[in-house]
Amino acid sequence: MGTPEPFRIDISDVLLKGLFAKVRAYEWHEMPRGEGREDTWNYGANLEFMRSLCTYWVDSYDWRKAEAQLNAFPQFIADIGGLPIHFYCEPGSGPSPTPLILSHGWPGSVFEFLHVIDRLAHPERHGGEAEDAFTVVVPSLPGYGFSGKPSHPTSPRTIAKYFDTLMTDILGLGDYIAQGGDWGSAVSSWMGYEGRGCRGVHINMFAWRSPGVTPETKEERDYVAHVDKRLQMEGAYFHEQTTKPQTLSYAMMDSPVGTCAWIVEKFHGWSDTRKGFERTYTKDQLLTNVMIYLVTRTFNTSTWIYRGLVEDVGGPPVPKGARIERPVGVAAFPIDLYPFPPRSMVERHMNVWQWTDFDEGGHFAALERPDDLIRDIRKFARILRNPGGR
């Protein structure tokens, strides 16, 4: 393990020029039209939206502005087991800020958390109390963004070991809270199950399964049936990235527009867009997240985590019925690839200390509903500091 080295993002003009030239040169094609086909997102990334987004991309989007935002907080590279791990680390206010690690998933990035770092680390600057401060660590998953690329597919369990080492051994931030959604939820859950320094887990997606635990009530069985149907309609990406990620990569690594469409369609489908997609995210937000994949050339390696789920065991088998016994906080947002199961089912998988149901919000909670997520993390941290007040 190496000492963390300061890191700064600085993408070359040559790379950017080539990328934007490909976007400009893209040859547009058709999509289904006609009566009954008004909701054209049903077929995938909407053609009109993609054309509008790409026009904005080449005419108005400013990567250098986004790069400056990405460089606004201290960031580092640390060698963990021969793999460079990129991370932000913002020390919190006050004498004893709670360590907090925020883990993203696919198709997200560290950008999801950029605008909540200062509010979590320095609440007193934003109308809060300094005693709620966190020392905030935001890593890029291996194979994503500015972290190194593993030589083979890596599972959430293995990534959890990297991140536990980062927090406990490299940064000396034991007794931490692990928070995440999407794959970040799986990584955080594994940190809660077997991480040496984890104090508690806060998740906004359910991604842990205790072996041998099955649905018991009608409500739970109905939930499983709903998820199975949902995955049948929406899970083609998952099946492709789990089975043949390398084949997909040849097209995506060559086409910025293709990568953008593949990612943006998931932001549309998994987010709470009831008030409109462009009221949920700005074009700049969507494009900055996509650009991180493009300027680091990590679309291919980012998908390997899906294959890693079945290929990289990462440790001894989990005993039948074993659950996460460390305290768990659940932030249940209503719109997602699939929502949380009934609480009765979740509690057989993990030790739930806090459960919050929200009326609005979706998969990318830190971007969609940052105020709600911040309040829920703070509330969970307070409970951990004072368990008797549950």
Protein backbone atom coordinates (compact mmCIF):
# COMPACT_ATOMS: atom_id res chain seq x y z
CA MET A 1 0.00 0.00 0.00
CA GLY A 2 1.25 3.42 -0.93
CA THR A 3 0.92 6.85 0.60
CA PRO A 4 -1.86 8.85 -1.09
CA GLU A 5 -0.55 11.18 -3.77
CA PRO A 6 -2.34 14.44 -4.62
CA PHE A 7 -4.22 14.25 -7.91
CA ARG A 8 -5.66 16.81 -10.30
CA ILE A 9 -7.77 16.27 -13.41
CA ASP A 10 -6.29 17.83 -16.54
CA ILE A 11 -7.61 16.40 -19.81
CA SER A 12 -5.64 17.31 -22.94
CA ASP A 13 -7.05 19.56 -25.64
CA VAL A 14 -6.13 16.93 -28.21
CA LEU A 15 -8.34 14.31 -26.54
CA LEU A 16 -11.24 16.74 -26.20
CA LYS A 17 -10.95 17.89 -29.82
CA GLY A 18 -11.09 14.32 -31.08
CA LEU A 19 -14.06 13.49 -28.87
CA PHE A 20 -16.12 16.49 -29.98
CA ALA A 21 -15.25 15.81 -33.62
CA LYS A 22 -16.86 12.38 -33.30
CA VAL A 23 -19.99 13.89 -31.79
CA ARG A 24 -20.25 16.41 -34.63
CA ALA A 25 -19.73 13.71 -37.25
CA TYR A 26 -22.37 11.36 -35.88
CA GLU A 27 -24.84 10.19 -38.53
CA TRP A 28 -28.34 10.22 -37.09
CA HIS A 29 -30.88 7.53 -37.92
CA GLU A 30 -34.54 6.61 -37.33
CA MET A 31 -36.75 5.61 -34.44
CA PRO A 32 -40.31 4.21 -34.39
CA ARG A 33 -43.13 6.67 -35.11
CA GLY A 34 -46.90 6.62 -35.42
CA GLU A 35 -50.08 6.35 -33.41
CA GLY A 36 -49.59 4.80 -29.99
CA ARG A 37 -45.85 5.47 -30.06
CA GLU A 38 -45.89 8.90 -28.47
CA ASP A 39 -43.73 7.87 -25.49
CA THR A 40 -40.69 7.17 -27.60
CA TRP A 41 -38.48 6.57 -24.52
CA ASN A 42 -40.15 3.16 -24.47
CA TYR A 43 -37.89 2.16 -27.33
CA GLY A 44 -34.73 3.44 -25.64
CA ALA A 45 -32.94 6.78 -25.72
CA ASN A 46 -35.27 9.32 -27.33
CA LEU A 47 -34.00 10.58 -30.69
CA GLU A 48 -35.15 14.19 -30.33
CA PHE A 49 -33.70 14.46 -26.86
CA MET A 50 -30.39 12.93 -27.92
CA ARG A 51 -30.06 15.27 -30.91
CA SER A 52 -30.81 18.26 -28.71
CA LEU A 53 -28.37 17.07 -26.04
CA CYS A 54 -25.59 16.49 -28.59
CA THR A 55 -26.16 19.91 -30.18
CA TYR A 56 -25.76 21.46 -26.75
CA TRP A 57 -22.73 19.24 -26.14
CA VAL A 58 -20.73 20.57 -29.08
CA ASP A 59 -22.03 24.15 -29.08
CA SER A 60 -22.44 25.12 -25.42
CA TYR A 61 -21.09 22.54 -22.98
CA ASP A 62 -17.89 23.62 -21.20
CA TRP A 63 -15.71 20.72 -20.02
CA ARG A 64 -13.15 23.09 -18.54
CA LYS A 65 -15.83 24.52 -16.26
CA ALA A 66 -16.82 21.01 -15.22
CA GLU A 67 -13.15 20.10 -14.76
CA ALA A 68 -12.72 23.05 -12.40
CA GLN A 69 -15.72 21.84 -10.38
CA LEU A 70 -14.25 18.35 -10.23
CA ASN A 71 -10.97 19.83 -9.01
CA ALA A 72 -12.61 21.95 -6.30
CA PHE A 73 -12.03 19.41 -3.50
CA PRO A 74 -8.82 17.65 -2.42
CA GLN A 75 -8.37 14.42 -4.35
CA PHE A 76 -5.76 11.71 -4.29
CA ILE A 77 -4.54 8.44 -5.75
CA ALA A 78 -3.58 5.60 -3.42
CA ASP A 79 -2.13 2.24 -4.38
CA ILE A 80 -4.16 -0.58 -2.83
CA GLY A 81 -2.99 -4.06 -3.67
CA GLY A 82 -1.32 -2.81 -6.85
CA LEU A 83 -4.42 -0.95 -8.08
CA PRO A 84 -4.53 2.87 -8.06
CA ILE A 85 -7.70 4.10 -6.36
CA HIS A 86 -8.83 7.69 -6.95
CA PHE A 87 -10.73 9.43 -4.17
CA TYR A 88 -11.79 12.77 -2.75
CA CYS A 89 -11.15 13.42 0.92
CA GLU A 90 -12.59 16.50 2.57
CA PRO A 91 -11.85 16.72 6.33
CA GLY A 92 -14.94 17.72 8.28
CA SER A 93 -15.39 20.64 10.64
CA GLY A 94 -14.99 20.41 14.39
CA PRO A 95 -12.90 18.17 16.61
CA SER A 96 -14.53 14.80 15.81
CA PRO A 97 -16.27 14.62 12.41
CA THR A 98 -17.75 11.22 11.60
CA PRO A 99 -15.92 9.39 8.77
CA LEU A 100 -18.23 8.82 5.80
CA ILE A 101 -17.47 7.04 2.52
CA LEU A 102 -19.86 7.61 -0.40
CA SER A 103 -19.76 4.98 -3.16
CA HIS A 104 -21.32 5.44 -6.59
CA GLY A 105 -22.42 2.78 -9.05
CA TRP A 106 -23.06 2.31 -12.76
CA PRO A 107 -23.70 4.40 -14.80
CA GLY A 108 -22.77 7.02 -12.25
CA SER A 109 -19.50 8.49 -11.04
CA VAL A 110 -17.97 10.60 -8.28
CA PHE A 111 -19.75 13.54 -9.92
CA GLU A 112 -22.99 12.40 -8.26
CA PHE A 113 -21.64 13.45 -4.87
CA LEU A 114 -19.67 16.54 -5.79
CA HIS A 115 -22.34 19.03 -4.74
CA VAL A 116 -22.99 17.40 -1.34
CA ILE A 117 -19.38 17.13 -0.14
CA ASP A 118 -19.13 20.62 1.38
CA ARG A 119 -22.60 20.40 2.93
CA LEU A 120 -21.77 17.11 4.61
CA ALA A 121 -18.26 18.15 5.70
CA HIS A 122 -19.10 21.68 6.80
CA PRO A 123 -22.80 21.91 7.74
CA GLU A 124 -22.26 25.14 9.66
CA ARG A 125 -21.57 26.86 6.31
CA HIS A 126 -25.03 25.89 5.12
CA GLY A 127 -27.24 26.68 8.10
CA GLY A 128 -26.49 23.47 9.99
CA GLU A 129 -24.58 22.45 13.10
CA ALA A 130 -20.87 21.65 13.18
CA GLU A 131 -21.46 18.57 15.35
CA ASP A 132 -23.14 16.95 12.32
CA ALA A 133 -19.94 17.21 10.26
CA PHE A 134 -18.45 14.30 8.36
CA THR A 135 -15.00 13.71 6.97
CA VAL A 136 -16.14 12.81 3.48
CA VAL A 137 -14.38 10.28 1.26
CA VAL A 138 -15.66 9.72 -2.28
CA PRO A 139 -13.76 7.07 -4.27
CA SER A 140 -14.04 6.11 -7.92
CA LEU A 141 -14.80 2.41 -8.19
CA PRO A 142 -11.98 0.32 -9.72
CA GLY A 143 -12.31 0.52 -13.48
CA TYR A 144 -14.29 3.75 -13.26
CA GLY A 145 -13.24 7.34 -13.80
CA PHE A 146 -9.81 8.17 -12.48
CA SER A 147 -9.17 4.94 -10.59
CA GLY A 148 -6.99 2.26 -12.12
CA LYS A 149 -8.33 -0.45 -14.40
CA PRO A 150 -8.28 -3.97 -12.98
CA SER A 151 -6.97 -6.72 -15.24
CA HIS A 152 -10.19 -8.76 -14.88
CA PRO A 153 -13.77 -8.40 -13.62
CA THR A 154 -13.98 -7.47 -9.94
CA SER A 155 -16.96 -8.01 -7.65
CA PRO A 156 -18.56 -5.58 -5.16
CA ARG A 157 -17.21 -7.79 -2.36
CA THR A 158 -13.63 -7.34 -3.54
CA ILE A 159 -14.16 -3.61 -4.06
CA ALA A 160 -15.47 -3.40 -0.49
CA LYS A 161 -12.14 -4.79 0.70
CA TYR A 162 -10.28 -2.10 -1.26
CA PHE A 163 -12.46 0.62 0.25
CA ASP A 164 -12.25 -0.75 3.79
CA THR A 165 -8.45 -0.76 3.41
CA LEU A 166 -8.59 2.81 2.13
CA MET A 167 -10.60 4.01 5.11
CA THR A 168 -9.05 1.90 7.86
CA ASP A 169 -5.39 1.49 6.93
CA ILE A 170 -4.51 4.29 4.53
CA LEU A 171 -6.61 7.15 5.88
CA GLY A 172 -6.92 5.99 9.48
CA LEU A 173 -10.66 6.64 9.41
CA GLY A 174 -11.98 3.60 11.22
CA ASP A 175 -15.46 3.58 12.71
CA TYR A 176 -16.84 4.92 9.44
CA ILE A 177 -20.30 4.97 7.84
CA ALA A 178 -20.52 3.41 4.36
CA GLN A 179 -23.18 4.95 2.12
CA GLY A 180 -24.18 4.13 -1.43
CA GLY A 181 -26.76 3.39 -4.09
CA ASP A 182 -26.63 1.04 -7.09
CA TRP A 183 -23.32 -0.90 -6.95
CA GLY A 184 -22.35 1.52 -4.19
CA SER A 185 -25.10 -0.05 -2.12
CA ALA A 186 -23.67 -3.52 -2.73
CA VAL A 187 -20.15 -2.34 -1.89
CA SER A 188 -21.36 -0.54 1.25
CA SER A 189 -23.34 -3.61 2.32
CA TRP A 190 -20.26 -5.83 2.00
CA MET A 191 -18.30 -3.28 4.02
CA GLY A 192 -20.99 -3.57 6.67
CA TYR A 193 -20.90 -7.35 6.59
CA GLU A 194 -17.15 -7.93 6.80
CA GLY A 195 -15.31 -4.60 6.77
CA ARG A 196 -12.93 -4.14 9.69
CA GLY A 197 -13.64 -0.46 10.25
CA CYS A 198 -17.32 -0.07 9.35
CA ARG A 199 -19.62 1.29 12.04
CA GLY A 200 -22.84 1.36 10.04
CA VAL A 201 -24.31 1.26 6.54
CA HIS A 202 -26.67 3.72 4.86
CA ILE A 203 -28.17 2.67 1.53
CA ASN A 204 -30.62 4.04 -1.02
CA MET A 205 -30.94 0.77 -2.97
CA PHE A 206 -31.34 -2.83 -1.84
CA ALA A 207 -28.39 -4.83 -3.14
CA TRP A 208 -27.63 -7.40 -0.43
CA ARG A 209 -29.11 -10.89 -0.37
CA SER A 210 -28.68 -13.23 2.59
CA PRO A 211 -28.36 -16.83 1.35
CA GLY A 212 -31.43 -18.94 1.96
CA VAL A 213 -33.71 -16.02 2.87
CA THR A 214 -36.89 -16.18 0.79
CA PRO A 215 -40.17 -14.23 0.67
CA GLU A 216 -42.67 -15.35 3.27
CA THR A 217 -45.76 -13.14 3.05
CA LYS A 218 -48.06 -12.38 0.13
CA GLU A 219 -46.73 -8.80 0.08
CA GLU A 220 -43.18 -10.10 -0.21
CA ARG A 221 -44.08 -12.63 -2.91
CA ASP A 222 -45.90 -9.92 -4.88
CA TYR A 223 -42.82 -7.74 -4.61
CA VAL A 224 -40.59 -10.49 -6.04
CA ALA A 225 -43.03 -11.02 -8.92
CA HIS A 226 -43.02 -7.28 -9.63
CA VAL A 227 -39.22 -7.15 -9.66
CA ASP A 228 -39.01 -10.18 -11.96
CA LYS A 229 -41.37 -8.48 -14.41
CA ARG A 230 -39.49 -5.20 -14.15
CA LEU A 231 -36.14 -6.87 -14.83
CA GLN A 232 -37.60 -8.71 -17.80
CA MET A 233 -38.54 -5.37 -19.36
CA GLU A 234 -35.54 -3.31 -18.23
CA GLY A 235 -32.75 -5.81 -17.58
CA ALA A 236 -31.29 -6.38 -21.06
CA TYR A 237 -28.35 -4.11 -20.23
CA PHE A 238 -27.69 -6.17 -17.08
CA HIS A 239 -27.71 -9.45 -18.96
CA GLU A 240 -25.39 -8.11 -21.68
CA GLN A 241 -22.93 -6.57 -19.22
CA THR A 242 -22.95 -9.70 -17.08
CA THR A 243 -22.40 -12.14 -19.93
CA LYS A 244 -20.65 -10.40 -22.88
CA PRO A 245 -19.34 -6.99 -21.75
CA GLN A 246 -16.39 -7.11 -24.11
CA THR A 247 -18.59 -7.32 -27.20
CA LEU A 248 -20.55 -4.25 -26.13
CA SER A 249 -17.34 -2.33 -25.48
CA TYR A 250 -16.22 -2.26 -29.13
CA ALA A 251 -19.14 -0.04 -30.10
CA MET A 252 -19.24 2.08 -26.97
CA MET A 253 -15.52 2.77 -26.80
CA ASP A 254 -15.65 4.10 -30.37
CA SER A 255 -18.80 6.24 -30.15
CA PRO A 256 -19.25 9.10 -27.68
CA VAL A 257 -22.87 9.44 -28.82
CA GLY A 258 -23.45 5.73 -28.30
CA THR A 259 -21.98 5.87 -24.80
CA CYS A 260 -24.04 8.96 -24.01
CA ALA A 261 -27.28 7.32 -25.18
CA TRP A 262 -26.58 4.09 -23.27
CA ILE A 263 -26.01 6.03 -20.04
CA VAL A 264 -28.61 8.80 -20.41
CA GLU A 265 -31.38 6.29 -21.11
CA LYS A 266 -30.71 4.78 -17.67
CA PHE A 267 -30.85 8.20 -16.02
CA HIS A 268 -34.24 8.70 -17.65
CA GLY A 269 -35.58 5.25 -16.83
CA TRP A 270 -34.41 5.00 -13.22
CA SER A 271 -35.08 8.57 -12.03
CA ASP A 272 -38.17 10.35 -10.79
CA THR A 273 -39.07 12.24 -13.97
CA ARG A 274 -42.73 12.86 -13.11
CA LYS A 275 -42.07 16.60 -13.28
CA GLY A 276 -40.02 16.28 -16.48
CA PHE A 277 -36.60 14.86 -17.30
CA GLU A 278 -35.00 18.25 -17.85
CA ARG A 279 -36.36 19.47 -14.51
CA THR A 280 -34.67 16.51 -12.84
CA TYR A 281 -31.24 16.99 -14.42
CA THR A 282 -29.57 19.75 -16.37
CA LYS A 283 -27.84 18.94 -19.64
CA ASP A 284 -24.56 19.88 -17.97
CA GLN A 285 -25.09 17.31 -15.22
CA LEU A 286 -25.87 14.52 -17.68
CA LEU A 287 -22.93 15.40 -19.91
CA THR A 288 -20.35 15.79 -17.14
CA ASN A 289 -21.16 12.32 -15.87
CA VAL A 290 -20.88 10.92 -19.41
CA MET A 291 -17.66 12.83 -20.06
CA ILE A 292 -15.97 11.17 -17.09
CA TYR A 293 -16.46 7.82 -18.82
CA LEU A 294 -15.22 9.20 -22.13
CA VAL A 295 -12.13 11.18 -21.10
CA THR A 296 -10.87 8.28 -18.97
CA ARG A 297 -11.84 5.61 -21.54
CA THR A 298 -13.47 3.50 -18.84
CA PHE A 299 -16.82 2.51 -20.31
CA ASN A 300 -15.53 -1.01 -20.94
CA THR A 301 -13.94 -1.62 -17.54
CA SER A 302 -16.89 -0.03 -15.74
CA THR A 303 -19.15 -2.79 -17.02
CA TRP A 304 -16.86 -5.54 -15.76
CA ILE A 305 -18.35 -5.32 -12.26
CA TYR A 306 -21.44 -7.07 -13.64
CA ARG A 307 -19.36 -10.05 -14.78
CA GLY A 308 -17.40 -9.80 -11.53
CA LEU A 309 -20.63 -10.42 -9.65
CA VAL A 310 -20.63 -14.02 -10.92
CA GLU A 311 -16.93 -14.55 -11.64
CA ASP A 312 -15.13 -13.04 -8.62
CA VAL A 313 -16.24 -14.81 -5.43
CA GLY A 314 -14.15 -12.48 -3.28
CA GLY A 315 -14.09 -14.62 -0.15
CA PRO A 316 -15.53 -17.65 1.65
CA PRO A 317 -19.23 -18.48 1.16
CA VAL A 318 -21.64 -16.50 3.29
CA PRO A 319 -23.41 -18.87 5.70
CA LYS A 320 -27.06 -19.58 5.07
CA GLY A 321 -29.23 -16.99 6.79
CA ALA A 322 -26.33 -14.69 7.67
CA ARG A 323 -27.28 -11.03 7.55
CA ILE A 324 -25.63 -7.66 8.03
CA GLU A 325 -25.62 -7.21 11.79
CA ARG A 326 -24.10 -3.75 11.90
CA PRO A 327 -26.71 -0.96 11.99
CA VAL A 328 -28.31 -0.14 8.63
CA GLY A 329 -30.15 2.99 7.54
CA VAL A 330 -32.52 2.79 4.58
CA ALA A 331 -33.48 5.77 2.41
CA ALA A 332 -36.30 4.43 0.23
CA PHE A 333 -36.96 6.67 -2.75
CA PRO A 334 -40.08 5.75 -4.76
CA ILE A 335 -38.72 5.51 -8.32
CA ASP A 336 -35.92 3.11 -9.22
CA LEU A 337 -34.94 0.19 -11.40
CA TYR A 338 -36.72 -1.65 -8.61
CA PRO A 339 -37.81 -0.19 -5.25
CA PHE A 340 -37.04 -1.53 -1.80
CA PRO A 341 -38.80 -4.72 -0.73
CA PRO A 342 -41.25 -4.61 2.17
CA ARG A 343 -39.46 -3.78 5.40
CA SER A 344 -40.29 -7.21 6.83
CA MET A 345 -38.23 -8.79 4.06
CA VAL A 346 -35.33 -6.35 4.31
CA GLU A 347 -35.02 -6.92 8.06
CA ARG A 348 -34.30 -10.62 7.50
CA HIS A 349 -31.30 -9.55 5.41
CA MET A 350 -29.96 -6.69 7.53
CA ASN A 351 -30.21 -5.01 10.93
CA VAL A 352 -32.37 -2.00 10.08
CA TRP A 353 -32.06 0.83 12.61
CA GLN A 354 -33.60 3.55 10.46
CA TRP A 355 -36.10 3.48 7.60
CA THR A 356 -37.29 6.56 5.72
CA ASP A 357 -39.85 6.50 2.90
CA PHE A 358 -39.69 9.49 0.57
CA ASP A 359 -42.44 10.81 -1.70
CA GLU A 360 -40.10 11.94 -4.46
CA GLY A 361 -36.77 10.88 -5.88
CA GLY A 362 -35.15 8.00 -7.66
CA HIS A 363 -32.04 5.97 -8.30
CA PHE A 364 -29.47 8.80 -8.34
CA ALA A 365 -30.56 10.22 -5.00
CA ALA A 366 -27.57 12.49 -4.38
CA LEU A 367 -28.27 14.32 -7.64
CA GLU A 368 -32.06 14.17 -7.55
CA ARG A 369 -32.84 14.82 -3.88
CA PRO A 370 -29.64 16.01 -2.19
CA ASP A 371 -31.43 17.74 0.71
CA ASP A 372 -33.39 14.58 1.56
CA LEU A 373 -30.33 12.36 1.34
CA ILE A 374 -28.16 14.66 3.46
CA ARG A 375 -30.81 14.90 6.18
CA ASP A 376 -31.24 11.14 6.22
CA ILE A 377 -27.50 10.46 6.51
CA ARG A 378 -27.22 13.01 9.34
CA LYS A 379 -30.17 11.44 11.14
CA PHE A 380 -28.59 7.99 10.86
CA ALA A 381 -25.25 9.28 12.18
CA ARG A 382 -27.01 10.82 15.18
CA ILE A 383 -28.65 7.49 15.97
CA LEU A 384 -25.27 5.75 15.81
CA ARG A 385 -23.84 8.31 18.23
CA ASN A 386 -26.78 7.87 20.59
CA PRO A 387 -28.24 4.36 20.12
CA GLY A 388 -30.46 4.76 23.12
CA GLY A 389 -32.41 7.44 21.29
CA ARG A 390 -33.70 5.09 18.60
